[in-house]
Amino acid sequence: MIILALPVDVALPGTVLQVALLGALALIIIFILIVFVEAVVLQLIGWGDRRAAFKAAFWMNLASTAAGFLLLAFVNRLAGFGLVLAWAVSVIIEGLVLKRSSPRGTRFHWYASLLANLVSYLLLILPAYLLRG
């Protein structure tokens, strides 16, 4: 068996790139799953048809993901409270995004945002947070 050892200055950039690409892929997959879960919730509560629900879920999660990257350092430092803070910020940001396209009354967008985020945090984000090690 022949083992080739590469110097660190040659192997490290490739390894860092691989880890960065896998991390980006994981974030994209998680984003897609969250959009899917929240779109299903929106459709079930009568936000609109499938297309409207997916469009709303995509835009509201794009906005809250952008804000989430800014809060990431605080969320990790504050442990469980940070997760609750991130959820509350998501509800507010996504509620404001939904307000622009709400098919119903003035408070329906807050109900939709609250419920969609509750489901996605309980099904996806909380388990990932608890299993991160």
N, C-alpha and C. Protein backbone atom coordinates (compact mmCIF):
# COMPACT_ATOMS: atom_id res chain seq x y z
N MET A 1 0.84 -1.16 0.00
CA MET A 1 0.00 0.00 0.00
C MET A 1 0.90 1.24 0.00
N ILE A 2 0.61 2.13 -0.92
CA ILE A 2 1.39 3.35 -1.03
C ILE A 2 0.56 4.51 -0.50
N ILE A 3 1.12 5.23 0.43
CA ILE A 3 0.44 6.38 1.01
C ILE A 3 1.23 7.62 0.63
N LEU A 4 0.57 8.53 -0.01
CA LEU A 4 1.21 9.78 -0.38
C LEU A 4 0.83 10.85 0.63
N ALA A 5 1.80 11.49 1.17
CA ALA A 5 1.55 12.56 2.12
C ALA A 5 1.81 13.90 1.43
N LEU A 6 0.81 14.73 1.43
CA LEU A 6 0.96 16.05 0.85
C LEU A 6 1.32 17.05 1.93
N PRO A 7 2.19 17.98 1.61
CA PRO A 7 2.49 19.03 2.59
C PRO A 7 1.22 19.82 2.92
N VAL A 8 1.16 20.33 4.13
CA VAL A 8 -0.02 21.05 4.60
C VAL A 8 -0.35 22.23 3.70
N ASP A 9 0.67 22.95 3.22
CA ASP A 9 0.39 24.12 2.40
C ASP A 9 -0.20 23.76 1.04
N VAL A 10 -0.08 22.50 0.63
CA VAL A 10 -0.69 22.04 -0.62
C VAL A 10 -2.07 21.45 -0.35
N ALA A 11 -2.21 20.65 0.70
CA ALA A 11 -3.46 19.93 0.98
C ALA A 11 -4.51 20.81 1.66
N LEU A 12 -4.09 21.73 2.50
CA LEU A 12 -5.03 22.51 3.29
C LEU A 12 -6.00 23.35 2.47
N PRO A 13 -5.56 24.10 1.46
CA PRO A 13 -6.55 24.88 0.69
C PRO A 13 -7.63 24.01 0.04
N GLY A 14 -7.26 22.85 -0.47
CA GLY A 14 -8.25 21.95 -1.06
C GLY A 14 -9.23 21.43 -0.03
N THR A 15 -8.73 21.12 1.14
CA THR A 15 -9.59 20.62 2.22
C THR A 15 -10.54 21.71 2.69
N VAL A 16 -10.03 22.92 2.85
CA VAL A 16 -10.88 24.03 3.27
C VAL A 16 -11.97 24.29 2.23
N LEU A 17 -11.61 24.22 0.96
CA LEU A 17 -12.59 24.41 -0.10
C LEU A 17 -13.66 23.33 -0.07
N GLN A 18 -13.24 22.08 0.15
CA GLN A 18 -14.21 20.99 0.22
C GLN A 18 -15.17 21.19 1.39
N VAL A 19 -14.64 21.55 2.54
CA VAL A 19 -15.49 21.76 3.71
C VAL A 19 -16.45 22.93 3.47
N ALA A 20 -15.96 24.00 2.85
CA ALA A 20 -16.81 25.16 2.56
C ALA A 20 -17.92 24.79 1.58
N LEU A 21 -17.59 24.00 0.56
CA LEU A 21 -18.60 23.60 -0.41
C LEU A 21 -19.65 22.67 0.21
N LEU A 22 -19.20 21.75 1.06
CA LEU A 22 -20.15 20.86 1.74
C LEU A 22 -21.04 21.66 2.70
N GLY A 23 -20.47 22.64 3.38
CA GLY A 23 -21.26 23.49 4.27
C GLY A 23 -22.29 24.29 3.50
N ALA A 24 -21.89 24.85 2.37
CA ALA A 24 -22.82 25.61 1.53
C ALA A 24 -23.93 24.71 1.01
N LEU A 25 -23.58 23.50 0.60
CA LEU A 25 -24.58 22.55 0.12
C LEU A 25 -25.57 22.19 1.23
N ALA A 26 -25.05 21.99 2.43
CA ALA A 26 -25.92 21.68 3.57
C ALA A 26 -26.88 22.84 3.85
N LEU A 27 -26.38 24.07 3.79
CA LEU A 27 -27.24 25.23 4.02
C LEU A 27 -28.33 25.35 2.95
N ILE A 28 -27.99 25.06 1.72
CA ILE A 28 -28.97 25.12 0.64
C ILE A 28 -30.05 24.05 0.84
N ILE A 29 -29.63 22.85 1.23
CA ILE A 29 -30.59 21.77 1.47
C ILE A 29 -31.51 22.13 2.64
N ILE A 30 -30.95 22.67 3.71
CA ILE A 30 -31.76 23.07 4.86
C ILE A 30 -32.74 24.18 4.46
N PHE A 31 -32.27 25.14 3.68
CA PHE A 31 -33.13 26.22 3.21
C PHE A 31 -34.31 25.66 2.42
N ILE A 32 -34.03 24.74 1.51
CA ILE A 32 -35.08 24.13 0.70
C ILE A 32 -36.09 23.38 1.58
N LEU A 33 -35.59 22.65 2.55
CA LEU A 33 -36.48 21.91 3.46
C LEU A 33 -37.37 22.87 4.26
N ILE A 34 -36.78 23.96 4.75
CA ILE A 34 -37.56 24.92 5.52
C ILE A 34 -38.62 25.58 4.65
N VAL A 35 -38.25 25.94 3.42
CA VAL A 35 -39.22 26.54 2.50
C VAL A 35 -40.36 25.55 2.24
N PHE A 36 -40.01 24.29 2.03
CA PHE A 36 -41.03 23.28 1.78
C PHE A 36 -41.98 23.13 2.98
N VAL A 37 -41.42 22.99 4.18
CA VAL A 37 -42.24 22.80 5.38
C VAL A 37 -43.15 24.01 5.60
N GLU A 38 -42.58 25.21 5.49
CA GLU A 38 -43.38 26.40 5.73
C GLU A 38 -44.42 26.64 4.63
N ALA A 39 -44.10 26.26 3.40
CA ALA A 39 -45.08 26.38 2.32
C ALA A 39 -46.26 25.44 2.55
N VAL A 40 -45.98 24.25 3.03
CA VAL A 40 -47.05 23.30 3.33
C VAL A 40 -47.94 23.87 4.44
N VAL A 41 -47.32 24.44 5.48
CA VAL A 41 -48.10 25.05 6.56
C VAL A 41 -48.96 26.19 6.01
N LEU A 42 -48.37 27.06 5.20
CA LEU A 42 -49.13 28.17 4.63
C LEU A 42 -50.31 27.68 3.80
N GLN A 43 -50.08 26.64 3.03
CA GLN A 43 -51.16 26.11 2.21
C GLN A 43 -52.25 25.48 3.07
N LEU A 44 -51.86 24.80 4.12
CA LEU A 44 -52.84 24.15 5.00
C LEU A 44 -53.72 25.16 5.76
N ILE A 45 -53.17 26.31 6.06
CA ILE A 45 -53.98 27.31 6.79
C ILE A 45 -54.71 28.25 5.84
N GLY A 46 -54.58 28.01 4.54
CA GLY A 46 -55.36 28.77 3.58
C GLY A 46 -54.71 30.02 3.06
N TRP A 47 -53.38 30.06 3.06
CA TRP A 47 -52.69 31.25 2.54
C TRP A 47 -53.00 31.46 1.07
N GLY A 48 -53.11 30.39 0.37
CA GLY A 48 -53.38 30.46 -1.06
C GLY A 48 -53.13 29.09 -1.68
N ASP A 49 -53.06 29.06 -2.99
CA ASP A 49 -52.77 27.79 -3.64
C ASP A 49 -51.30 27.43 -3.44
N ARG A 50 -50.90 26.30 -3.97
CA ARG A 50 -49.54 25.80 -3.78
C ARG A 50 -48.49 26.79 -4.26
N ARG A 51 -48.73 27.36 -5.41
CA ARG A 51 -47.76 28.31 -5.98
C ARG A 51 -47.59 29.55 -5.10
N ALA A 52 -48.69 30.11 -4.63
CA ALA A 52 -48.64 31.29 -3.75
C ALA A 52 -47.95 30.97 -2.43
N ALA A 53 -48.23 29.79 -1.89
CA ALA A 53 -47.62 29.39 -0.63
C ALA A 53 -46.11 29.20 -0.78
N PHE A 54 -45.67 28.56 -1.85
CA PHE A 54 -44.24 28.36 -2.06
C PHE A 54 -43.53 29.67 -2.35
N LYS A 55 -44.17 30.54 -3.10
CA LYS A 55 -43.57 31.85 -3.40
C LYS A 55 -43.41 32.65 -2.11
N ALA A 56 -44.44 32.68 -1.29
CA ALA A 56 -44.39 33.41 -0.02
C ALA A 56 -43.34 32.80 0.91
N ALA A 57 -43.30 31.47 0.99
CA ALA A 57 -42.33 30.80 1.86
C ALA A 57 -40.90 31.06 1.41
N PHE A 58 -40.68 31.09 0.10
CA PHE A 58 -39.34 31.36 -0.42
C PHE A 58 -38.89 32.76 -0.03
N TRP A 59 -39.71 33.77 -0.30
CA TRP A 59 -39.31 35.15 -0.04
C TRP A 59 -39.17 35.45 1.44
N MET A 60 -40.07 34.91 2.25
CA MET A 60 -39.97 35.20 3.67
C MET A 60 -38.75 34.53 4.29
N ASN A 61 -38.40 33.34 3.81
CA ASN A 61 -37.22 32.66 4.34
C ASN A 61 -35.92 33.24 3.79
N LEU A 62 -35.95 33.77 2.61
CA LEU A 62 -34.77 34.44 2.08
C LEU A 62 -34.44 35.66 2.95
N ALA A 63 -35.46 36.42 3.32
CA ALA A 63 -35.25 37.60 4.17
C ALA A 63 -34.79 37.20 5.57
N SER A 64 -35.42 36.20 6.15
CA SER A 64 -35.03 35.82 7.52
C SER A 64 -33.69 35.10 7.55
N THR A 65 -33.32 34.42 6.48
CA THR A 65 -32.00 33.79 6.41
C THR A 65 -30.90 34.84 6.37
N ALA A 66 -31.12 35.88 5.60
CA ALA A 66 -30.14 36.97 5.54
C ALA A 66 -29.94 37.58 6.92
N ALA A 67 -31.01 37.82 7.63
CA ALA A 67 -30.90 38.36 8.99
C ALA A 67 -30.30 37.32 9.94
N GLY A 68 -30.61 36.07 9.70
CA GLY A 68 -30.09 35.00 10.54
C GLY A 68 -28.58 34.89 10.51
N PHE A 69 -27.99 35.14 9.36
CA PHE A 69 -26.53 35.11 9.28
C PHE A 69 -25.91 36.20 10.15
N LEU A 70 -26.59 37.33 10.26
CA LEU A 70 -26.09 38.40 11.11
C LEU A 70 -26.22 38.05 12.59
N LEU A 71 -27.24 37.27 12.93
CA LEU A 71 -27.48 36.88 14.33
C LEU A 71 -26.75 35.61 14.75
N LEU A 72 -26.11 34.94 13.81
CA LEU A 72 -25.53 33.63 14.08
C LEU A 72 -24.56 33.63 15.26
N ALA A 73 -23.72 34.63 15.35
CA ALA A 73 -22.75 34.68 16.45
C ALA A 73 -23.46 34.79 17.79
N PHE A 74 -24.53 35.58 17.86
CA PHE A 74 -25.26 35.74 19.11
C PHE A 74 -26.03 34.48 19.48
N VAL A 75 -26.58 33.82 18.49
CA VAL A 75 -27.36 32.60 18.75
C VAL A 75 -26.47 31.53 19.36
N ASN A 76 -25.28 31.36 18.85
CA ASN A 76 -24.38 30.34 19.39
C ASN A 76 -23.92 30.68 20.80
N ARG A 77 -23.73 31.95 21.11
CA ARG A 77 -23.27 32.34 22.44
C ARG A 77 -24.37 32.24 23.49
N LEU A 78 -25.60 32.47 23.09
CA LEU A 78 -26.70 32.52 24.04
C LEU A 78 -27.42 31.20 24.25
N ALA A 79 -26.95 30.16 23.60
CA ALA A 79 -27.50 28.79 23.73
C ALA A 79 -29.00 28.77 23.45
N GLY A 80 -29.79 28.20 24.35
CA GLY A 80 -31.23 28.05 24.13
C GLY A 80 -31.95 29.37 23.97
N PHE A 81 -31.55 30.39 24.73
CA PHE A 81 -32.17 31.71 24.59
C PHE A 81 -31.89 32.29 23.20
N GLY A 82 -30.72 32.01 22.67
CA GLY A 82 -30.38 32.48 21.32
C GLY A 82 -31.28 31.86 20.27
N LEU A 83 -31.64 30.59 20.48
CA LEU A 83 -32.54 29.92 19.55
C LEU A 83 -33.94 30.54 19.61
N VAL A 84 -34.40 30.87 20.81
CA VAL A 84 -35.69 31.53 20.97
C VAL A 84 -35.65 32.92 20.34
N LEU A 85 -34.53 33.62 20.53
CA LEU A 85 -34.36 34.94 19.92
C LEU A 85 -34.39 34.84 18.39
N ALA A 86 -33.70 33.86 17.85
CA ALA A 86 -33.69 33.66 16.40
C ALA A 86 -35.10 33.35 15.88
N TRP A 87 -35.84 32.54 16.63
CA TRP A 87 -37.22 32.24 16.24
C TRP A 87 -38.07 33.50 16.23
N ALA A 88 -37.95 34.31 17.27
CA ALA A 88 -38.75 35.54 17.36
C ALA A 88 -38.40 36.51 16.22
N VAL A 89 -37.12 36.63 15.93
CA VAL A 89 -36.70 37.51 14.82
C VAL A 89 -37.24 36.97 13.50
N SER A 90 -37.22 35.66 13.32
CA SER A 90 -37.78 35.05 12.10
C SER A 90 -39.26 35.33 11.98
N VAL A 91 -39.99 35.21 13.07
CA VAL A 91 -41.43 35.47 13.04
C VAL A 91 -41.69 36.92 12.63
N ILE A 92 -40.93 37.84 13.19
CA ILE A 92 -41.14 39.27 12.89
C ILE A 92 -40.79 39.56 11.43
N ILE A 93 -39.62 39.11 10.98
CA ILE A 93 -39.19 39.39 9.61
C ILE A 93 -40.14 38.74 8.61
N GLU A 94 -40.46 37.48 8.84
CA GLU A 94 -41.33 36.77 7.91
C GLU A 94 -42.75 37.31 7.95
N GLY A 95 -43.21 37.75 9.12
CA GLY A 95 -44.52 38.38 9.21
C GLY A 95 -44.58 39.67 8.40
N LEU A 96 -43.50 40.45 8.45
CA LEU A 96 -43.46 41.68 7.67
C LEU A 96 -43.42 41.40 6.17
N VAL A 97 -42.70 40.35 5.78
CA VAL A 97 -42.67 39.98 4.36
C VAL A 97 -44.05 39.50 3.91
N LEU A 98 -44.70 38.69 4.74
CA LEU A 98 -46.03 38.19 4.40
C LEU A 98 -47.07 39.30 4.37
N LYS A 99 -46.86 40.33 5.17
CA LYS A 99 -47.81 41.44 5.21
C LYS A 99 -47.97 42.08 3.84
N ARG A 100 -46.91 42.08 3.06
CA ARG A 100 -46.97 42.68 1.73
C ARG A 100 -47.84 41.90 0.76
N SER A 101 -48.02 40.60 1.03
CA SER A 101 -48.79 39.79 0.07
C SER A 101 -49.93 39.03 0.74
N SER A 102 -50.39 39.51 1.87
CA SER A 102 -51.42 38.81 2.62
C SER A 102 -52.75 38.79 1.85
N PRO A 103 -53.30 37.59 1.62
CA PRO A 103 -54.57 37.49 0.91
C PRO A 103 -55.78 37.74 1.81
N ARG A 104 -55.53 37.85 3.11
CA ARG A 104 -56.63 38.01 4.07
C ARG A 104 -56.47 39.28 4.88
N GLY A 105 -57.08 39.26 6.03
CA GLY A 105 -57.09 40.43 6.90
C GLY A 105 -55.71 40.83 7.41
N THR A 106 -55.73 41.85 8.21
CA THR A 106 -54.48 42.46 8.65
C THR A 106 -53.66 41.60 9.60
N ARG A 107 -54.28 40.74 10.33
CA ARG A 107 -53.52 39.93 11.30
C ARG A 107 -53.22 38.52 10.81
N PHE A 108 -53.72 38.13 9.69
CA PHE A 108 -53.51 36.78 9.20
C PHE A 108 -52.04 36.50 8.90
N HIS A 109 -51.31 37.50 8.45
CA HIS A 109 -49.89 37.30 8.14
C HIS A 109 -49.09 36.99 9.40
N TRP A 110 -49.47 37.57 10.55
CA TRP A 110 -48.76 37.25 11.79
C TRP A 110 -49.06 35.82 12.23
N TYR A 111 -50.30 35.42 12.11
CA TYR A 111 -50.68 34.03 12.42
C TYR A 111 -49.92 33.06 11.53
N ALA A 112 -49.86 33.36 10.24
CA ALA A 112 -49.17 32.49 9.29
C ALA A 112 -47.69 32.41 9.60
N SER A 113 -47.06 33.52 9.89
CA SER A 113 -45.64 33.55 10.22
C SER A 113 -45.35 32.80 11.51
N LEU A 114 -46.15 33.02 12.51
CA LEU A 114 -45.98 32.35 13.80
C LEU A 114 -46.10 30.84 13.66
N LEU A 115 -47.14 30.40 12.99
CA LEU A 115 -47.37 28.97 12.84
C LEU A 115 -46.32 28.30 11.94
N ALA A 116 -45.98 28.93 10.82
CA ALA A 116 -44.99 28.36 9.91
C ALA A 116 -43.63 28.23 10.60
N ASN A 117 -43.23 29.25 11.35
CA ASN A 117 -41.95 29.19 12.05
C ASN A 117 -41.97 28.20 13.20
N LEU A 118 -43.07 28.11 13.89
CA LEU A 118 -43.18 27.13 14.97
C LEU A 118 -42.97 25.72 14.43
N VAL A 119 -43.63 25.40 13.34
CA VAL A 119 -43.50 24.07 12.76
C VAL A 119 -42.09 23.82 12.24
N SER A 120 -41.51 24.77 11.50
CA SER A 120 -40.18 24.55 10.94
C SER A 120 -39.12 24.48 12.04
N TYR A 121 -39.24 25.28 13.09
CA TYR A 121 -38.28 25.20 14.19
C TYR A 121 -38.41 23.88 14.93
N LEU A 122 -39.63 23.42 15.18
CA LEU A 122 -39.81 22.16 15.90
C LEU A 122 -39.37 20.95 15.09
N LEU A 123 -39.62 20.97 13.77
CA LEU A 123 -39.29 19.81 12.93
C LEU A 123 -37.84 19.80 12.45
N LEU A 124 -37.27 20.97 12.18
CA LEU A 124 -35.96 21.01 11.54
C LEU A 124 -34.87 21.68 12.37
N ILE A 125 -35.12 22.85 12.85
CA ILE A 125 -34.05 23.63 13.46
C ILE A 125 -33.73 23.16 14.87
N LEU A 126 -34.72 22.93 15.71
CA LEU A 126 -34.47 22.45 17.06
C LEU A 126 -33.74 21.11 17.07
N PRO A 127 -34.18 20.10 16.30
CA PRO A 127 -33.42 18.85 16.28
C PRO A 127 -31.97 19.04 15.78
N ALA A 128 -31.77 19.86 14.78
CA ALA A 128 -30.42 20.11 14.30
C ALA A 128 -29.58 20.79 15.37
N TYR A 129 -30.19 21.73 16.09
CA TYR A 129 -29.49 22.42 17.17
C TYR A 129 -29.10 21.46 18.28
N LEU A 130 -30.02 20.57 18.64
CA LEU A 130 -29.75 19.62 19.73
C LEU A 130 -28.74 18.55 19.34
N LEU A 131 -28.69 18.21 18.06
CA LEU A 131 -27.77 17.15 17.59
C LEU A 131 -26.42 17.66 17.11
N ARG A 132 -26.20 18.96 17.19
CA ARG A 132 -24.96 19.52 16.63
C ARG A 132 -23.72 19.13 17.42
N GLY A 133 -23.88 18.67 18.63
CA GLY A 133 -22.77 18.14 19.40
C GLY A 133 -21.92 19.08 20.11
